[in-house]
Amino acid sequence: CCILDTPAFDAVDGVLDERRDRADPAFLPFVLLVSEGSGSGPADRAWERVDDVIELPVARRALLTRVSNLVKRRMTSLRLRRTVADLRLKERAMDEAPVGITLARATDGDDNPMGYINGAFEELTGYGQGMLGEDCRFLQGPDSSDETRAEIRTGIDEERSVDVDILNYRKSGQKFWNRLQIEPLRNESGEVTHFVGFQADITERKIRERRLEVMARVLNHNLRNKMNL
């Protein structure tokens, strides 16, 4: 908070804009002290930079209250700037995450409309921003397990974590195995307001697992035959 009388205000008039620009986007208050009955004041252009004018003489408590209010506004502005910066950083982290991320709104019905999808989700599924407002079940198809679908729905209804492997479909119709994790997000009152979902393509892992299962069955079959002989 910059507190200046008229001569000082006129003296720094040339650097006020620069000082405000350095503080931007946070609020930086300038207070002008004016002597009672003084006929002179700062240049007309400077009045645009004044956030409060205090006429002297002024009681100490009144002066402290006026300045304190401006300082509180300044602190609020700084906290808001930090909050916005933190939110932008977190948004960048989500946007650039190597796994698909979706954010869906909790509702009383069966649908949980998505309000956010990141780039990895678009690359994984082929679906973009046009699917915002839709429930993520559009990824499911004829070969998606009914049991797994029911497990996902139950977890959401019970507002708890979900961790499943489900066969999903890309926009092109191609099948892929999706490692789906869903976490409920709660507000300060403990109410679930959103669900965040994480998706990862585990198709190659599933293929390897099936190959190992087949190999194990063949080896087990051959071993039993040799033992019988």
C-alpha atoms as a PDB file:
ATOM      1  CA  CYS A   1       0.000   0.000   0.000  1.00  0.00           C
ATOM      2  CA  CYS A   2       1.602   3.272  -1.144  1.00  0.00           C
ATOM      3  CA  ILE A   3       0.756   6.319   0.990  1.00  0.00           C
ATOM      4  CA  LEU A   4       1.772   9.636  -0.560  1.00  0.00           C
ATOM      5  CA  ASP A   5       1.040  13.323  -0.104  1.00  0.00           C
ATOM      6  CA  THR A   6       0.490  15.606  -3.082  1.00  0.00           C
ATOM      7  CA  PRO A   7       4.161  16.581  -3.726  1.00  0.00           C
ATOM      8  CA  ALA A   8       5.279  12.964  -3.496  1.00  0.00           C
ATOM      9  CA  PHE A   9       2.420  11.856  -5.715  1.00  0.00           C
ATOM     10  CA  ASP A  10       3.415  14.368  -8.380  1.00  0.00           C
ATOM     11  CA  ALA A  11       7.064  13.348  -8.063  1.00  0.00           C
ATOM     12  CA  VAL A  12       6.384   9.638  -8.764  1.00  0.00           C
ATOM     13  CA  ASP A  13       3.627  10.192 -11.318  1.00  0.00           C
ATOM     14  CA  GLY A  14       5.859   8.894 -14.110  1.00  0.00           C
ATOM     15  CA  VAL A  15       6.431   5.494 -12.506  1.00  0.00           C
ATOM     16  CA  LEU A  16       2.976   4.767 -11.087  1.00  0.00           C
ATOM     17  CA  ASP A  17       1.846   2.825 -14.150  1.00  0.00           C
ATOM     18  CA  GLU A  18       5.053   0.798 -14.168  1.00  0.00           C
ATOM     19  CA  ARG A  19       4.611  -0.041 -10.469  1.00  0.00           C
ATOM     20  CA  ARG A  20       1.020  -1.106 -11.015  1.00  0.00           C
ATOM     21  CA  ASP A  21       2.033  -3.239 -14.008  1.00  0.00           C
ATOM     22  CA  ARG A  22       4.596  -5.052 -11.863  1.00  0.00           C
ATOM     23  CA  ALA A  23       1.898  -5.827  -9.316  1.00  0.00           C
ATOM     24  CA  ASP A  24      -0.664  -6.912 -11.918  1.00  0.00           C
ATOM     25  CA  PRO A  25      -2.898  -8.869 -11.674  1.00  0.00           C
ATOM     26  CA  ALA A  26      -2.837  -8.239  -7.912  1.00  0.00           C
ATOM     27  CA  PHE A  27      -4.412  -5.061  -6.575  1.00  0.00           C
ATOM     28  CA  LEU A  28      -1.893  -2.412  -5.439  1.00  0.00           C
ATOM     29  CA  PRO A  29      -3.549   0.494  -3.571  1.00  0.00           C
ATOM     30  CA  PHE A  30      -2.339   4.106  -3.678  1.00  0.00           C
ATOM     31  CA  VAL A  31      -3.497   6.488  -0.931  1.00  0.00           C
ATOM     32  CA  LEU A  32      -3.356  10.271  -1.321  1.00  0.00           C
ATOM     33  CA  LEU A  33      -3.038  12.447   1.779  1.00  0.00           C
ATOM     34  CA  VAL A  34      -4.518  15.922   1.246  1.00  0.00           C
ATOM     35  CA  SER A  35      -4.172  18.819   3.696  1.00  0.00           C
ATOM     36  CA  GLU A  36      -7.426  20.407   4.804  1.00  0.00           C
ATOM     37  CA  GLY A  37      -8.214  23.505   2.783  1.00  0.00           C
ATOM     38  CA  SER A  38      -5.406  22.839   0.335  1.00  0.00           C
ATOM     39  CA  GLY A  39      -6.251  24.217  -3.043  1.00  0.00           C
ATOM     40  CA  SER A  40      -3.604  22.218  -4.837  1.00  0.00           C
ATOM     41  CA  GLY A  41      -3.716  18.582  -5.761  1.00  0.00           C
ATOM     42  CA  PRO A  42      -2.010  16.132  -8.075  1.00  0.00           C
ATOM     43  CA  ALA A  43      -2.306  16.401 -11.816  1.00  0.00           C
ATOM     44  CA  ASP A  44      -5.683  15.445 -13.266  1.00  0.00           C
ATOM     45  CA  ARG A  45      -4.184  12.318 -14.810  1.00  0.00           C
ATOM     46  CA  ALA A  46      -3.008  11.098 -11.412  1.00  0.00           C
ATOM     47  CA  TRP A  47      -6.526  10.930  -9.959  1.00  0.00           C
ATOM     48  CA  GLU A  48      -7.117   7.803 -12.025  1.00  0.00           C
ATOM     49  CA  ARG A  49      -4.435   6.075  -9.935  1.00  0.00           C
ATOM     50  CA  VAL A  50      -5.771   7.083  -6.521  1.00  0.00           C
ATOM     51  CA  ASP A  51      -7.644   4.358  -4.613  1.00  0.00           C
ATOM     52  CA  ASP A  52      -8.412   6.434  -1.528  1.00  0.00           C
ATOM     53  CA  VAL A  53      -8.098  10.107  -0.548  1.00  0.00           C
ATOM     54  CA  ILE A  54      -7.589  10.908   3.140  1.00  0.00           C
ATOM     55  CA  GLU A  55      -7.986  14.496   4.268  1.00  0.00           C
ATOM     56  CA  LEU A  56      -5.605  15.732   6.958  1.00  0.00           C
ATOM     57  CA  PRO A  57      -5.729  16.127   9.872  1.00  0.00           C
ATOM     58  CA  VAL A  58      -7.207  12.679  10.552  1.00  0.00           C
ATOM     59  CA  ALA A  59      -7.541  10.676  13.770  1.00  0.00           C
ATOM     60  CA  ARG A  60      -4.921   7.968  14.098  1.00  0.00           C
ATOM     61  CA  ARG A  61      -7.505   5.206  14.481  1.00  0.00           C
ATOM     62  CA  ALA A  62      -9.419   6.379  11.397  1.00  0.00           C
ATOM     63  CA  LEU A  63      -6.202   6.501   9.383  1.00  0.00           C
ATOM     64  CA  LEU A  64      -5.216   2.998  10.501  1.00  0.00           C
ATOM     65  CA  THR A  65      -8.681   1.662   9.661  1.00  0.00           C
ATOM     66  CA  ARG A  66      -8.651   3.132   6.154  1.00  0.00           C
ATOM     67  CA  VAL A  67      -5.143   1.847   5.420  1.00  0.00           C
ATOM     68  CA  SER A  68      -5.890  -1.530   7.034  1.00  0.00           C
ATOM     69  CA  ASN A  69      -8.909  -2.036   4.778  1.00  0.00           C
ATOM     70  CA  LEU A  70      -6.811  -1.349   1.711  1.00  0.00           C
ATOM     71  CA  VAL A  71      -4.084  -3.726   2.906  1.00  0.00           C
ATOM     72  CA  LYS A  72      -6.717  -6.447   3.446  1.00  0.00           C
ATOM     73  CA  ARG A  73      -7.934  -5.928  -0.101  1.00  0.00           C
ATOM     74  CA  ARG A  74      -4.333  -6.157  -1.251  1.00  0.00           C
ATOM     75  CA  MET A  75      -3.796  -9.462   0.638  1.00  0.00           C
ATOM     76  CA  THR A  76      -7.021 -10.875  -0.751  1.00  0.00           C
ATOM     77  CA  SER A  77      -5.878  -9.950  -4.244  1.00  0.00           C
ATOM     78  CA  LEU A  78      -2.523 -11.646  -3.695  1.00  0.00           C
ATOM     79  CA  ARG A  79      -4.164 -14.814  -2.339  1.00  0.00           C
ATOM     80  CA  LEU A  80      -6.503 -14.865  -5.318  1.00  0.00           C
ATOM     81  CA  ARG A  81      -3.546 -14.523  -7.684  1.00  0.00           C
ATOM     82  CA  ARG A  82      -1.769 -17.447  -6.001  1.00  0.00           C
ATOM     83  CA  THR A  83      -4.955 -19.512  -6.106  1.00  0.00           C
ATOM     84  CA  VAL A  84      -5.430 -18.827  -9.809  1.00  0.00           C
ATOM     85  CA  ALA A  85      -1.770 -19.673 -10.471  1.00  0.00           C
ATOM     86  CA  ASP A  86      -2.109 -22.945  -8.539  1.00  0.00           C
ATOM     87  CA  LEU A  87      -5.282 -23.849 -10.434  1.00  0.00           C
ATOM     88  CA  ARG A  88      -3.604 -23.138 -13.761  1.00  0.00           C
ATOM     89  CA  LEU A  89      -0.625 -25.308 -12.770  1.00  0.00           C
ATOM     90  CA  LYS A  90      -2.898 -28.174 -11.724  1.00  0.00           C
ATOM     91  CA  GLU A  91      -4.888 -27.815 -14.933  1.00  0.00           C
ATOM     92  CA  ARG A  92      -1.671 -28.010 -16.953  1.00  0.00           C
ATOM     93  CA  ALA A  93      -0.654 -31.125 -15.027  1.00  0.00           C
ATOM     94  CA  MET A  94      -3.998 -32.740 -15.861  1.00  0.00           C
ATOM     95  CA  ASP A  95      -3.911 -31.591 -19.483  1.00  0.00           C
ATOM     96  CA  GLU A  96      -0.429 -33.034 -20.015  1.00  0.00           C
ATOM     97  CA  ALA A  97      -0.784 -36.191 -17.898  1.00  0.00           C
ATOM     98  CA  PRO A  98       0.230 -39.422 -19.726  1.00  0.00           C
ATOM     99  CA  VAL A  99      -3.031 -41.151 -18.705  1.00  0.00           C
ATOM    100  CA  GLY A 100      -6.592 -40.275 -19.655  1.00  0.00           C
ATOM    101  CA  ILE A 101      -8.358 -38.078 -17.117  1.00  0.00           C
ATOM    102  CA  THR A 102     -12.057 -37.245 -16.996  1.00  0.00           C
ATOM    103  CA  LEU A 103     -14.053 -35.197 -14.511  1.00  0.00           C
ATOM    104  CA  ALA A 104     -17.762 -35.958 -14.217  1.00  0.00           C
ATOM    105  CA  ARG A 105     -20.464 -34.317 -12.152  1.00  0.00           C
ATOM    106  CA  ALA A 106     -22.224 -36.332  -9.454  1.00  0.00           C
ATOM    107  CA  THR A 107     -25.990 -36.470  -9.976  1.00  0.00           C
ATOM    108  CA  ASP A 108     -29.001 -38.215  -8.465  1.00  0.00           C
ATOM    109  CA  GLY A 109     -29.642 -40.074 -11.727  1.00  0.00           C
ATOM    110  CA  ASP A 110     -27.778 -42.776 -13.653  1.00  0.00           C
ATOM    111  CA  ASP A 111     -25.842 -40.299 -15.798  1.00  0.00           C
ATOM    112  CA  ASN A 112     -22.720 -38.468 -14.680  1.00  0.00           C
ATOM    113  CA  PRO A 113     -22.040 -35.839 -17.370  1.00  0.00           C
ATOM    114  CA  MET A 114     -18.395 -35.103 -18.054  1.00  0.00           C
ATOM    115  CA  GLY A 115     -17.174 -31.541 -17.660  1.00  0.00           C
ATOM    116  CA  TYR A 116     -13.504 -32.136 -18.486  1.00  0.00           C
ATOM    117  CA  ILE A 117     -11.369 -34.514 -20.556  1.00  0.00           C
ATOM    118  CA  ASN A 118      -7.629 -34.238 -21.114  1.00  0.00           C
ATOM    119  CA  GLY A 119      -5.503 -34.764 -24.206  1.00  0.00           C
ATOM    120  CA  ALA A 120      -4.481 -38.318 -23.293  1.00  0.00           C
ATOM    121  CA  PHE A 121      -8.143 -39.330 -23.108  1.00  0.00           C
ATOM    122  CA  GLU A 122      -8.707 -37.958 -26.617  1.00  0.00           C
ATOM    123  CA  GLU A 123      -5.657 -39.851 -27.921  1.00  0.00           C
ATOM    124  CA  LEU A 124      -6.734 -43.049 -26.178  1.00  0.00           C
ATOM    125  CA  THR A 125     -10.392 -43.058 -27.228  1.00  0.00           C
ATOM    126  CA  GLY A 126     -10.604 -40.816 -30.279  1.00  0.00           C
ATOM    127  CA  TYR A 127     -13.357 -38.790 -28.592  1.00  0.00           C
ATOM    128  CA  GLY A 128     -12.825 -35.057 -28.073  1.00  0.00           C
ATOM    129  CA  GLN A 129     -14.499 -32.049 -26.513  1.00  0.00           C
ATOM    130  CA  GLY A 130     -17.729 -32.814 -28.323  1.00  0.00           C
ATOM    131  CA  MET A 131     -18.478 -35.506 -25.748  1.00  0.00           C
ATOM    132  CA  LEU A 132     -18.561 -33.064 -22.829  1.00  0.00           C
ATOM    133  CA  GLY A 133     -21.918 -33.319 -21.121  1.00  0.00           C
ATOM    134  CA  GLU A 134     -22.162 -37.045 -21.892  1.00  0.00           C
ATOM    135  CA  ASP A 135     -21.745 -39.982 -19.510  1.00  0.00           C
ATOM    136  CA  CYS A 136     -18.500 -41.908 -20.085  1.00  0.00           C
ATOM    137  CA  ARG A 137     -20.383 -45.161 -20.690  1.00  0.00           C
ATOM    138  CA  PHE A 138     -20.346 -44.372 -24.431  1.00  0.00           C
ATOM    139  CA  LEU A 139     -16.989 -46.214 -24.376  1.00  0.00           C
ATOM    140  CA  GLN A 140     -18.782 -49.465 -23.564  1.00  0.00           C
ATOM    141  CA  GLY A 141     -20.010 -51.856 -26.231  1.00  0.00           C
ATOM    142  CA  PRO A 142     -21.441 -55.321 -26.951  1.00  0.00           C
ATOM    143  CA  ASP A 143     -18.450 -57.215 -25.525  1.00  0.00           C
ATOM    144  CA  SER A 144     -18.061 -55.065 -22.397  1.00  0.00           C
ATOM    145  CA  SER A 145     -18.641 -57.267 -19.361  1.00  0.00           C
ATOM    146  CA  ASP A 146     -22.059 -56.812 -17.760  1.00  0.00           C
ATOM    147  CA  GLU A 147     -20.522 -57.764 -14.423  1.00  0.00           C
ATOM    148  CA  THR A 148     -17.873 -55.065 -14.732  1.00  0.00           C
ATOM    149  CA  ARG A 149     -20.459 -52.500 -15.798  1.00  0.00           C
ATOM    150  CA  ALA A 150     -22.525 -53.331 -12.717  1.00  0.00           C
ATOM    151  CA  GLU A 151     -19.433 -53.047 -10.504  1.00  0.00           C
ATOM    152  CA  ILE A 152     -18.736 -49.546 -11.862  1.00  0.00           C
ATOM    153  CA  ARG A 153     -22.352 -48.437 -11.389  1.00  0.00           C
ATOM    154  CA  THR A 154     -22.484 -49.818  -7.846  1.00  0.00           C
ATOM    155  CA  GLY A 155     -19.243 -48.077  -6.882  1.00  0.00           C
ATOM    156  CA  ILE A 156     -20.536 -44.740  -8.179  1.00  0.00           C
ATOM    157  CA  ASP A 157     -23.903 -45.166  -6.464  1.00  0.00           C
ATOM    158  CA  GLU A 158     -22.130 -45.995  -3.195  1.00  0.00           C
ATOM    159  CA  GLU A 159     -19.723 -43.062  -3.675  1.00  0.00           C
ATOM    160  CA  ARG A 160     -16.577 -45.154  -3.299  1.00  0.00           C
ATOM    161  CA  SER A 161     -13.442 -45.888  -5.316  1.00  0.00           C
ATOM    162  CA  VAL A 162     -13.654 -48.148  -8.363  1.00  0.00           C
ATOM    163  CA  ASP A 163     -10.726 -50.064  -9.891  1.00  0.00           C
ATOM    164  CA  VAL A 164     -11.529 -52.390 -12.813  1.00  0.00           C
ATOM    165  CA  ASP A 165     -10.293 -53.667 -16.162  1.00  0.00           C
ATOM    166  CA  ILE A 166     -12.972 -53.229 -18.819  1.00  0.00           C
ATOM    167  CA  LEU A 167     -13.141 -53.860 -22.541  1.00  0.00           C
ATOM    168  CA  ASN A 168     -13.969 -50.525 -24.184  1.00  0.00           C
ATOM    169  CA  TYR A 169     -14.382 -49.234 -27.720  1.00  0.00           C
ATOM    170  CA  ARG A 170     -12.612 -46.364 -29.447  1.00  0.00           C
ATOM    171  CA  LYS A 171     -14.491 -43.955 -31.691  1.00  0.00           C
ATOM    172  CA  SER A 172     -13.215 -45.979 -34.645  1.00  0.00           C
ATOM    173  CA  GLY A 173     -14.873 -49.086 -33.211  1.00  0.00           C
ATOM    174  CA  GLN A 174     -11.567 -50.705 -32.265  1.00  0.00           C
ATOM    175  CA  LYS A 175     -11.614 -52.599 -28.983  1.00  0.00           C
ATOM    176  CA  PHE A 176      -9.085 -51.921 -26.238  1.00  0.00           C
ATOM    177  CA  TRP A 177      -8.634 -52.965 -22.634  1.00  0.00           C
ATOM    178  CA  ASN A 178      -9.009 -50.038 -20.290  1.00  0.00           C
ATOM    179  CA  ARG A 179      -7.628 -49.895 -16.759  1.00  0.00           C
ATOM    180  CA  LEU A 180     -10.299 -47.686 -15.216  1.00  0.00           C
ATOM    181  CA  GLN A 181      -9.944 -46.044 -11.811  1.00  0.00           C
ATOM    182  CA  ILE A 182     -12.651 -43.764 -10.413  1.00  0.00           C
ATOM    183  CA  GLU A 183     -12.362 -41.637  -7.279  1.00  0.00           C
ATOM    184  CA  PRO A 184     -15.117 -39.538  -5.671  1.00  0.00           C
ATOM    185  CA  LEU A 185     -14.349 -35.872  -4.938  1.00  0.00           C
ATOM    186  CA  ARG A 186     -15.973 -34.335  -1.860  1.00  0.00           C
ATOM    187  CA  ASN A 187     -16.601 -30.734  -0.856  1.00  0.00           C
ATOM    188  CA  GLU A 188     -15.974 -29.221   2.572  1.00  0.00           C
ATOM    189  CA  SER A 189     -19.264 -30.674   3.824  1.00  0.00           C
ATOM    190  CA  GLY A 190     -18.231 -34.184   2.818  1.00  0.00           C
ATOM    191  CA  GLU A 191     -20.709 -34.371  -0.066  1.00  0.00           C
ATOM    192  CA  VAL A 192     -19.554 -35.993  -3.303  1.00  0.00           C
ATOM    193  CA  THR A 193     -19.758 -33.385  -6.060  1.00  0.00           C
ATOM    194  CA  HIS A 194     -17.686 -35.007  -8.822  1.00  0.00           C
ATOM    195  CA  PHE A 195     -15.967 -38.199  -9.890  1.00  0.00           C
ATOM    196  CA  VAL A 196     -12.496 -38.168 -11.414  1.00  0.00           C
ATOM    197  CA  GLY A 197     -11.652 -41.038 -13.738  1.00  0.00           C
ATOM    198  CA  PHE A 198      -8.260 -42.316 -14.868  1.00  0.00           C
ATOM    199  CA  GLN A 199      -7.951 -44.453 -18.011  1.00  0.00           C
ATOM    200  CA  ALA A 200      -4.918 -46.392 -19.255  1.00  0.00           C
ATOM    201  CA  ASP A 201      -4.572 -48.710 -22.261  1.00  0.00           C
ATOM    202  CA  ILE A 202      -3.543 -52.165 -20.979  1.00  0.00           C
ATOM    203  CA  THR A 203      -4.342 -54.098 -24.162  1.00  0.00           C
ATOM    204  CA  GLU A 204      -0.768 -55.356 -24.612  1.00  0.00           C
ATOM    205  CA  ARG A 205      -0.669 -56.558 -21.017  1.00  0.00           C
ATOM    206  CA  LYS A 206      -3.954 -58.430 -21.473  1.00  0.00           C
ATOM    207  CA  ILE A 207      -2.615 -60.090 -24.637  1.00  0.00           C
ATOM    208  CA  ARG A 208       0.521 -61.249 -22.785  1.00  0.00           C
ATOM    209  CA  GLU A 209      -1.573 -62.549 -19.888  1.00  0.00           C
ATOM    210  CA  ARG A 210      -3.780 -64.572 -22.243  1.00  0.00           C
ATOM    211  CA  ARG A 211      -0.763 -66.007 -24.027  1.00  0.00           C
ATOM    212  CA  LEU A 212       0.656 -67.081 -20.671  1.00  0.00           C
ATOM    213  CA  GLU A 213      -2.680 -68.652 -19.711  1.00  0.00           C
ATOM    214  CA  VAL A 214      -2.750 -70.630 -22.952  1.00  0.00           C
ATOM    215  CA  MET A 215       0.863 -71.681 -22.494  1.00  0.00           C
ATOM    216  CA  ALA A 216       0.158 -72.748 -18.906  1.00  0.00           C
ATOM    217  CA  ARG A 217      -2.819 -74.856 -20.002  1.00  0.00           C
ATOM    218  CA  VAL A 218      -0.766 -76.527 -22.746  1.00  0.00           C
ATOM    219  CA  LEU A 219       2.145 -77.251 -20.415  1.00  0.00           C
ATOM    220  CA  ASN A 220      -0.197 -78.519 -17.721  1.00  0.00           C
ATOM    221  CA  HIS A 221      -1.948 -80.785 -20.240  1.00  0.00           C
ATOM    222  CA  ASN A 222       1.355 -82.155 -21.567  1.00  0.00           C
ATOM    223  CA  LEU A 223       2.703 -82.691 -18.067  1.00  0.00           C
ATOM    224  CA  ARG A 224      -0.408 -84.639 -17.011  1.00  0.00           C
ATOM    225  CA  ASN A 225      -0.177 -86.824 -20.145  1.00  0.00           C
ATOM    226  CA  LYS A 226       3.482 -87.644 -19.441  1.00  0.00           C
ATOM    227  CA  MET A 227       2.727 -88.442 -15.802  1.00  0.00           C
ATOM    228  CA  ASN A 228      -0.126 -90.723 -16.893  1.00  0.00           C
ATOM    229  CA  LEU A 229       2.227 -92.529 -19.268  1.00  0.00           C
END
